[in-house]
Protein backbone atom coordinates (compact mmCIF):
# COMPACT_ATOMS: atom_id res chain seq x y z
CA MET A 1 -0.08 -0.06 -0.14
CA ALA A 2 1.39 3.43 -0.86
CA GLU A 3 -0.09 6.91 -0.47
CA THR A 4 1.67 10.04 -1.39
CA ASP A 5 0.84 13.87 -1.31
CA GLY A 6 3.83 14.77 -3.32
CA ILE A 7 7.36 16.12 -2.52
CA ARG A 8 8.12 19.71 -1.43
CA LYS A 9 11.90 20.46 -1.16
CA ASP A 10 11.43 23.37 1.11
CA ALA A 11 9.74 21.63 4.17
CA GLU A 12 11.25 20.16 7.19
CA THR A 13 10.73 16.35 6.55
CA TYR A 14 10.83 13.42 8.91
CA ALA A 15 10.49 9.66 8.20
CA ALA A 16 9.49 6.75 10.64
CA ILE A 17 10.01 3.17 9.88
CA ASP A 18 8.02 0.84 11.87
CA ILE A 19 9.23 -2.54 11.85
CA GLY A 20 6.29 -4.72 13.15
CA SER A 21 5.57 -8.47 13.35
CA ASN A 22 3.13 -8.30 10.35
CA ALA A 23 4.23 -5.48 8.21
CA VAL A 24 7.09 -2.79 7.86
CA ARG A 25 6.01 0.61 7.38
CA LEU A 26 7.79 3.83 6.03
CA LEU A 27 5.98 7.03 6.97
CA ILE A 28 7.22 10.45 5.71
CA LYS A 29 5.64 13.69 6.92
CA GLN A 30 6.69 17.33 5.99
CA LEU A 31 6.23 20.20 8.26
CA GLU A 32 3.59 22.69 7.29
CA SER A 33 3.33 24.92 10.46
CA ASP A 34 5.64 24.40 13.72
CA THR A 35 3.11 26.58 15.80
CA ARG A 36 1.12 23.36 16.95
CA PRO A 37 3.14 21.49 14.91
CA LEU A 38 1.23 20.44 11.73
CA PHE A 39 2.37 17.86 9.39
CA ASN A 40 1.24 16.97 5.90
CA LYS A 41 1.53 13.37 4.96
CA ALA A 42 4.11 12.97 2.13
CA LEU A 43 4.18 8.89 1.77
CA LEU A 44 2.85 5.94 3.43
CA LEU A 45 4.34 2.72 2.51
CA ARG A 46 3.42 -0.73 3.72
CA VAL A 47 5.06 -4.05 2.97
CA PRO A 48 3.78 -7.24 4.72
CA LEU A 49 7.13 -9.18 5.55
CA ARG A 50 5.54 -10.94 8.43
CA LEU A 51 8.54 -11.53 10.49
CA GLY A 52 6.50 -12.48 13.38
CA PHE A 53 5.50 -16.05 11.56
CA ASP A 54 9.08 -16.91 11.78
CA VAL A 55 10.03 -15.67 15.35
CA PHE A 56 6.92 -16.73 17.24
CA ALA A 57 7.13 -20.31 15.69
CA GLU A 58 10.86 -20.91 15.63
CA GLY A 59 12.18 -18.05 17.86
CA LYS A 60 14.44 -16.29 15.29
CA ILE A 61 14.21 -14.40 12.06
CA SER A 62 14.89 -16.88 9.01
CA ARG A 63 17.81 -15.97 6.58
CA LYS A 64 15.13 -15.38 3.88
CA LYS A 65 13.20 -12.83 5.98
CA GLU A 66 16.51 -11.12 6.97
CA LYS A 67 17.60 -10.82 3.27
CA ASP A 68 13.81 -9.57 2.50
CA LEU A 69 14.37 -6.81 5.34
CA ILE A 70 17.77 -5.95 3.92
CA ARG A 71 16.10 -5.34 0.42
CA LEU A 72 13.45 -3.50 1.80
CA MET A 73 15.60 -0.99 3.94
CA LYS A 74 17.70 -0.40 0.76
CA CYS A 75 14.26 0.80 -1.05
CA TYR A 76 13.21 2.81 1.88
CA ARG A 77 16.65 4.51 2.18
CA GLN A 78 16.52 5.61 -1.56
CA LEU A 79 13.06 6.81 -0.80
CA MET A 80 14.14 8.97 2.01
CA LYS A 81 16.91 10.49 0.06
CA ILE A 82 14.17 11.47 -2.86
CA TYR A 83 11.95 13.00 -0.27
CA ASN A 84 14.86 15.15 1.20
CA VAL A 85 14.13 13.80 4.71
CA ASP A 86 16.14 15.50 7.49
CA ASP A 87 15.88 12.97 10.25
CA TYR A 88 14.49 9.74 10.60
CA ARG A 89 14.13 6.52 13.05
CA ALA A 90 13.64 3.02 12.41
CA CYS A 91 11.88 1.14 15.30
CA ALA A 92 11.49 -2.61 15.51
CA THR A 93 8.93 -4.11 18.09
CA SER A 94 7.55 -7.42 19.25
CA ALA A 95 8.95 -9.72 16.90
CA MET A 96 12.34 -8.47 16.98
CA ARG A 97 12.40 -8.12 20.67
CA ASP A 98 11.61 -11.75 20.86
CA ALA A 99 13.96 -13.08 18.07
CA GLU A 100 17.09 -14.72 19.60
CA ASN A 101 19.11 -13.30 16.68
CA GLY A 102 17.28 -9.83 16.60
CA GLN A 103 20.52 -7.93 17.55
CA SER A 104 22.50 -9.80 14.83
CA VAL A 105 19.80 -9.13 12.25
CA ILE A 106 19.78 -5.32 12.85
CA ARG A 107 23.75 -5.13 12.88
CA THR A 108 23.72 -6.92 9.51
CA VAL A 109 20.95 -4.40 8.14
CA PHE A 110 23.08 -1.33 9.33
CA LYS A 111 26.23 -2.64 7.56
CA GLU A 112 24.29 -3.57 4.41
CA THR A 113 22.00 -0.50 4.32
CA GLY A 114 23.33 2.29 6.74
CA ILE A 115 19.82 2.18 8.48
CA ARG A 116 20.34 1.77 12.13
CA ILE A 117 17.25 0.11 13.81
CA GLU A 118 16.31 0.53 17.42
CA ILE A 119 14.70 -2.49 19.28
CA ILE A 120 12.39 -0.65 21.52
CA GLY A 121 10.56 -1.97 24.54
CA GLY A 122 6.75 -2.42 24.98
CA GLN A 123 6.65 0.38 27.44
CA GLU A 124 8.29 2.95 25.02
CA GLU A 125 6.24 1.60 22.07
CA ALA A 126 2.84 2.29 24.08
CA GLU A 127 3.90 5.85 25.11
CA MET A 128 4.99 6.77 21.56
CA ILE A 129 1.79 5.52 20.30
CA TYR A 130 -0.30 8.14 22.03
CA SER A 131 2.23 10.79 22.01
CA ASN A 132 1.15 12.76 19.18
CA HIS A 133 -2.46 13.09 20.31
CA ILE A 134 -1.75 13.71 23.95
CA GLU A 135 -2.02 17.32 23.47
CA THR A 136 -5.45 17.18 21.87
CA MET A 137 -6.73 15.22 24.83
CA ARG A 138 -5.52 17.59 27.52
CA GLY A 139 -8.31 18.93 29.68
CA LYS A 140 -10.65 16.61 27.81
CA LYS A 141 -13.21 15.19 30.12
CA GLY A 142 -13.71 11.51 30.44
CA ASN A 143 -11.78 8.11 30.62
CA PHE A 144 -10.11 7.01 27.20
CA MET A 145 -8.06 3.88 26.70
CA PHE A 146 -5.81 4.12 23.68
CA VAL A 147 -5.41 0.35 22.38
CA ASP A 148 -3.07 -0.54 19.64
CA VAL A 149 -3.17 -4.04 18.46
CA GLY A 150 -0.18 -5.17 16.61
CA GLY A 151 1.24 -8.57 15.24
CA GLY A 152 3.26 -9.28 18.39
CA SER A 153 1.84 -7.08 21.07
CA THR A 154 -0.96 -4.87 22.35
CA GLU A 155 -0.15 -1.49 23.88
CA ILE A 156 -2.53 0.23 25.97
CA ASN A 157 -2.47 3.74 27.43
CA LEU A 158 -5.16 5.06 29.92
CA LEU A 159 -6.10 8.87 30.06
CA ALA A 160 -8.38 10.06 32.56
CA ASP A 161 -9.60 13.83 32.20
CA GLY A 162 -6.67 14.30 29.51
CA GLY A 163 -3.92 13.12 32.05
CA LEU A 164 -1.83 9.77 31.43
CA VAL A 165 -2.79 7.27 34.17
CA CYS A 166 -0.51 4.30 32.85
CA SER A 167 1.06 2.74 29.77
CA ARG A 168 0.99 -1.06 29.36
CA SER A 169 2.27 -3.78 27.00
CA TYR A 170 1.17 -7.19 26.68
CA ASN A 171 2.39 -10.10 24.30
CA ILE A 172 -0.71 -10.71 22.61
CA GLY A 173 -0.97 -9.87 19.06
CA THR A 174 -2.40 -11.02 15.81
CA VAL A 175 0.44 -12.97 14.23
CA ARG A 176 1.34 -14.30 18.04
CA SER A 177 -2.14 -15.29 18.16
CA LEU A 178 -2.36 -17.25 14.78
CA ASN A 179 0.79 -19.11 15.72
CA GLY A 180 -0.78 -20.33 18.96
CA SER A 181 1.90 -18.70 20.80
CA VAL A 182 0.15 -16.26 23.28
CA ALA A 183 0.45 -17.78 26.86
CA GLU A 184 -2.69 -17.92 28.83
CA SER A 185 -0.95 -16.22 31.65
CA GLU A 186 -0.55 -13.13 29.53
CA TRP A 187 -4.37 -13.13 28.69
CA GLN A 188 -5.07 -13.67 32.55
CA ARG A 189 -2.69 -10.55 33.07
CA LEU A 190 -4.57 -8.44 30.39
CA ARG A 191 -7.97 -9.29 31.81
CA LYS A 192 -7.01 -8.44 35.43
CA ASP A 193 -5.49 -5.23 34.70
CA MET A 194 -8.53 -4.08 32.43
CA ALA A 195 -10.84 -5.17 35.20
CA ASP A 196 -8.81 -3.34 37.73
CA LEU A 197 -8.81 0.01 35.72
CA ALA A 198 -12.43 -0.39 34.86
CA GLY A 199 -13.17 -0.50 38.55
CA SER A 200 -11.11 2.80 39.25
CA TYR A 201 -11.85 4.73 36.11
CA PRO A 202 -15.60 3.83 35.00
CA GLY A 203 -16.99 4.89 31.59
CA ILE A 204 -13.91 3.91 29.63
CA GLN A 205 -14.31 4.46 25.93
CA ILE A 206 -11.55 2.82 23.52
CA ILE A 207 -9.37 4.90 21.09
CA GLY A 208 -8.10 2.16 18.66
CA SER A 209 -5.02 2.07 16.59
CA GLY A 210 -3.73 -0.25 13.88
CA GLY A 211 -4.43 -1.45 10.38
CA ASN A 212 -7.05 -4.05 11.62
CA ILE A 213 -9.23 -1.57 13.51
CA ASN A 214 -9.06 0.83 10.67
CA LYS A 215 -10.37 -1.78 8.38
CA TYR A 216 -13.02 -2.77 10.72
CA TYR A 217 -14.13 0.60 10.80
CA ARG A 218 -14.57 0.92 7.20
CA LEU A 219 -16.43 -2.40 6.99
CA VAL A 220 -19.12 -1.88 9.55
CA PRO A 221 -22.30 -0.82 7.95
CA ARG A 222 -23.40 1.42 11.13
CA ARG A 223 -20.86 4.06 12.19
CA ASP A 224 -20.50 7.48 13.36
CA ASN A 225 -18.37 9.38 10.76
CA ARG A 226 -18.88 12.63 12.37
CA HIS A 227 -16.86 11.39 15.43
CA ASN A 228 -14.96 8.82 13.73
CA ARG A 229 -16.32 5.97 15.83
CA MET A 230 -18.24 2.72 15.81
CA GLY A 231 -20.20 1.17 18.45
CA VAL A 232 -18.66 -2.12 20.19
CA GLU A 233 -22.16 -3.83 19.08
CA ALA A 234 -21.46 -2.95 15.49
CA LEU A 235 -17.84 -4.39 15.71
CA GLN A 236 -19.20 -7.55 17.34
CA GLU A 237 -21.58 -8.06 14.28
CA ILE A 238 -19.04 -7.66 11.62
CA PHE A 239 -16.55 -9.56 13.64
CA ASP A 240 -19.05 -12.54 13.71
CA ARG A 241 -19.55 -12.23 10.16
CA LEU A 242 -15.94 -12.57 9.19
CA ASN A 243 -15.38 -15.22 11.84
CA ALA A 244 -17.82 -17.40 9.99
CA LEU A 245 -15.82 -17.41 6.82
CA THR A 246 -12.62 -18.78 5.72
CA VAL A 247 -9.67 -16.66 4.86
CA GLU A 248 -10.37 -17.28 1.19
CA GLN A 249 -14.04 -16.15 1.65
CA ARG A 250 -13.00 -13.09 3.36
CA ILE A 251 -10.81 -12.07 0.57
CA GLU A 252 -13.34 -12.50 -1.92
CA GLU A 253 -16.52 -11.16 -0.12
CA TYR A 254 -14.87 -8.19 1.71
CA GLY A 255 -11.97 -7.53 -0.68
CA LEU A 256 -9.44 -7.85 2.11
CA LYS A 257 -5.63 -8.60 1.20
CA PRO A 258 -4.42 -11.84 2.02
CA ASP A 259 -2.18 -10.43 4.94
CA ARG A 260 -5.24 -8.85 6.48
CA ALA A 261 -7.78 -11.66 5.95
CA ASP A 262 -6.09 -14.01 8.75
CA VAL A 263 -5.02 -11.33 11.32
CA ILE A 264 -8.16 -9.36 11.32
CA ILE A 265 -9.97 -12.21 13.44
CA PRO A 266 -7.68 -12.12 16.35
CA ALA A 267 -7.42 -8.56 16.29
CA GLY A 268 -11.30 -8.08 16.56
CA ARG A 269 -11.12 -10.68 19.44
CA ILE A 270 -8.56 -8.67 21.40
CA PHE A 271 -10.56 -5.34 21.05
CA LEU A 272 -13.77 -7.21 21.79
CA THR A 273 -12.15 -8.57 24.98
CA ILE A 274 -10.92 -5.28 26.10
CA ALA A 275 -14.32 -3.68 25.32
CA GLY A 276 -16.25 -6.30 27.23
CA ILE A 277 -14.26 -5.92 30.24
CA THR A 278 -14.11 -2.26 30.37
CA GLY A 279 -17.73 -1.80 29.56
CA ALA A 280 -16.82 0.47 26.54
CA THR A 281 -19.48 1.07 24.36
CA TRP A 282 -17.68 3.12 21.47
CA ILE A 283 -14.43 2.53 19.51
CA TYR A 284 -13.01 5.90 18.26
CA VAL A 285 -10.79 5.33 15.09
CA PRO A 286 -8.63 8.30 14.47
CA VAL A 287 -6.00 6.45 12.37
CA ILE A 288 -3.13 6.63 14.81
CA GLY A 289 -0.06 4.43 15.19
CA LEU A 290 3.49 4.05 16.19
CA ALA A 291 5.00 5.55 13.11
CA ASP A 292 2.86 8.79 13.98
CA GLY A 293 4.39 8.71 17.40
CA ILE A 294 7.98 8.30 16.06
CA ILE A 295 7.52 11.47 13.66
CA ASP A 296 6.48 13.44 16.89
CA TRP A 297 9.39 12.14 18.80
CA LEU A 298 11.78 13.18 15.82
CA TYR A 299 10.19 16.86 15.85
CA THR A 300 10.66 17.02 19.54
CA ARG A 301 14.33 15.82 19.38
CA ASN A 302 14.88 18.50 16.60
CA HIS A 303 12.85 21.21 18.37
CA PRO A 304 13.78 20.86 22.24
CA ASP A 305 11.62 23.77 23.16
CA PRO A 306 8.76 23.53 20.90
CA VAL A 307 5.86 25.97 20.91
CA ARG A 308 2.75 24.10 21.72
């Protein structure tokens, strides 16, 4: 998938590379105004390398996947040159965290491509996911839970009246689920945490992040486009329809890509589990993700005292 809004040579430009368990994304944004700041998306590219299928089954990244990652990083490096990127950050998440050869792979990638990859922890991943939206939430009344469901892990951030309460990460993800690699103890930890938070912060509503919840939002027949949200009941309905189909039927009947048609089911199950425990009735889908958080991090690094 590629989206582009054109190249501006005079604009301050940042790039984020998100190396996830299912896909590897390149996001390039250009600064429109530094008073808030405001960015224009110049390019978004997503390639389904599916590193997690190796890692969660075998414990390491295969030589073939490593070669594919090197090829992709070479492409992304050239694209960053074309877009005159001023600064970039490449972050690897759950699959690379779990891979026994993760450090070896990133050293090889750097040697072959010049791109330095950082393996970030679940806590930092969770914090970066909401970081570029925290300012818009300041002073906003109510309890909101940011939920990002990835291929290898799920990150949550709870905000109460605009203030961050906690950030947590769970080794429960779509690819990990498909591989049968989610420990029951991790599900128990998530359920207990969600119940505890719901007891202390009633009326939680969910803000969803990730490609799967974005796809669910586009598929539900009943949604609130004005507020970019869908009811949990509507999500349950479309989940039940998709879950009754084979992967091939989902591709044919709903036009899903093969790398989306399988992971969309465990993603829906994770969102519905969290919604059921917290009592959430709405899921807001503002199209946010780790790559957006990386861009915000880069801007802050380059503007230590930004005007906000």
